[in-house]
C-alpha atoms as a PDB file:
ATOM      1  CA  MET A   1      42.366 -30.957  27.730  1.00  0.00           C
ATOM      2  CA  ALA A   2      43.265 -28.280  25.188  1.00  0.00           C
ATOM      3  CA  LYS A   3      44.408 -29.243  21.880  1.00  0.00           C
ATOM      4  CA  LYS A   4      48.125 -28.924  21.143  1.00  0.00           C
ATOM      5  CA  GLY A   5      49.666 -28.009  17.672  1.00  0.00           C
ATOM      6  CA  LYS A   6      48.303 -25.703  14.718  1.00  0.00           C
ATOM      7  CA  GLU A   7      45.039 -24.249  14.777  1.00  0.00           C
ATOM      8  CA  LYS A   8      42.915 -26.092  12.193  1.00  0.00           C
ATOM      9  CA  ASN A   9      40.181 -24.352  10.451  1.00  0.00           C
ATOM     10  CA  THR A  10      40.838 -20.655  11.112  1.00  0.00           C
ATOM     11  CA  GLN A  11      42.212 -19.388   7.597  1.00  0.00           C
ATOM     12  CA  ASN A  12      39.408 -21.098   5.639  1.00  0.00           C
ATOM     13  CA  LYS A  13      36.843 -19.614   7.787  1.00  0.00           C
ATOM     14  CA  ALA A  14      38.402 -16.299   7.565  1.00  0.00           C
ATOM     15  CA  LYS A  15      38.314 -16.563   3.745  1.00  0.00           C
ATOM     16  CA  HIS A  16      34.852 -17.737   3.765  1.00  0.00           C
ATOM     17  CA  THR A  17      33.699 -14.859   5.886  1.00  0.00           C
ATOM     18  CA  LYS A  18      35.498 -12.369   3.673  1.00  0.00           C
ATOM     19  CA  LEU A  19      33.893 -13.868   0.431  1.00  0.00           C
ATOM     20  CA  ILE A  20      30.463 -13.794   2.168  1.00  0.00           C
ATOM     21  CA  ASN A  21      30.944 -10.306   3.383  1.00  0.00           C
ATOM     22  CA  ARG A  22      31.950  -9.250  -0.107  1.00  0.00           C
ATOM     23  CA  LYS A  23      28.773 -10.898  -1.567  1.00  0.00           C
ATOM     24  CA  LYS A  24      26.573  -9.194   0.876  1.00  0.00           C
ATOM     25  CA  ASN A  25      28.126  -5.880   0.058  1.00  0.00           C
ATOM     26  CA  LYS A  26      27.536  -6.335  -3.576  1.00  0.00           C
ATOM     27  CA  LEU A  27      23.904  -7.186  -3.086  1.00  0.00           C
ATOM     28  CA  ARG A  28      23.344  -4.293  -0.684  1.00  0.00           C
ATOM     29  CA  LYS A  29      24.922  -1.963  -3.303  1.00  0.00           C
ATOM     30  CA  GLU A  30      22.741  -3.431  -6.095  1.00  0.00           C
ATOM     31  CA  LYS A  31      19.698  -2.857  -3.958  1.00  0.00           C
ATOM     32  CA  GLU A  32      20.469   0.638  -3.434  1.00  0.00           C
ATOM     33  CA  ALA A  33      21.138   1.304  -6.929  1.00  0.00           C
ATOM     34  CA  ARG A  34      18.077  -0.257  -8.087  1.00  0.00           C
ATOM     35  CA  ALA A  35      16.131   1.899  -5.566  1.00  0.00           C
ATOM     36  CA  GLU A  36      17.892   4.977  -6.875  1.00  0.00           C
ATOM     37  CA  ARG A  37      16.872   4.209 -10.553  1.00  0.00           C
ATOM     38  CA  LEU A  38      13.364   3.559  -9.408  1.00  0.00           C
ATOM     39  CA  LYS A  39      13.117   6.893  -7.712  1.00  0.00           C
ATOM     40  CA  ALA A  40      14.499   8.716 -10.724  1.00  0.00           C
ATOM     41  CA  ILE A  41      11.960   6.901 -12.950  1.00  0.00           C
ATOM     42  CA  ILE A  42       8.950   7.806 -10.590  1.00  0.00           C
ATOM     43  CA  LYS A  43      10.264  11.216 -10.344  1.00  0.00           C
ATOM     44  CA  LYS A  44      10.371  11.700 -14.185  1.00  0.00           C
ATOM     45  CA  ALA A  45       6.844  10.229 -14.522  1.00  0.00           C
ATOM     46  CA  ASN A  46       5.548  12.815 -12.045  1.00  0.00           C
ATOM     47  CA  GLU A  47       7.252  15.674 -13.792  1.00  0.00           C
ATOM     48  CA  GLN A  48       5.394  14.746 -17.126  1.00  0.00           C
ATOM     49  CA  LYS A  49       1.986  14.657 -15.501  1.00  0.00           C
END
């Protein structure tokens, strides 16, 4: 039989998912920024040769 009444854990899960997604996006952006800085450093080093 189906449960009656209010759904229990949906809002908490939604908040958790939102926070996890925010964290993943932050890490992804930091990784991209690091890669860009590294490329710039490598390019500068190659120009000095």
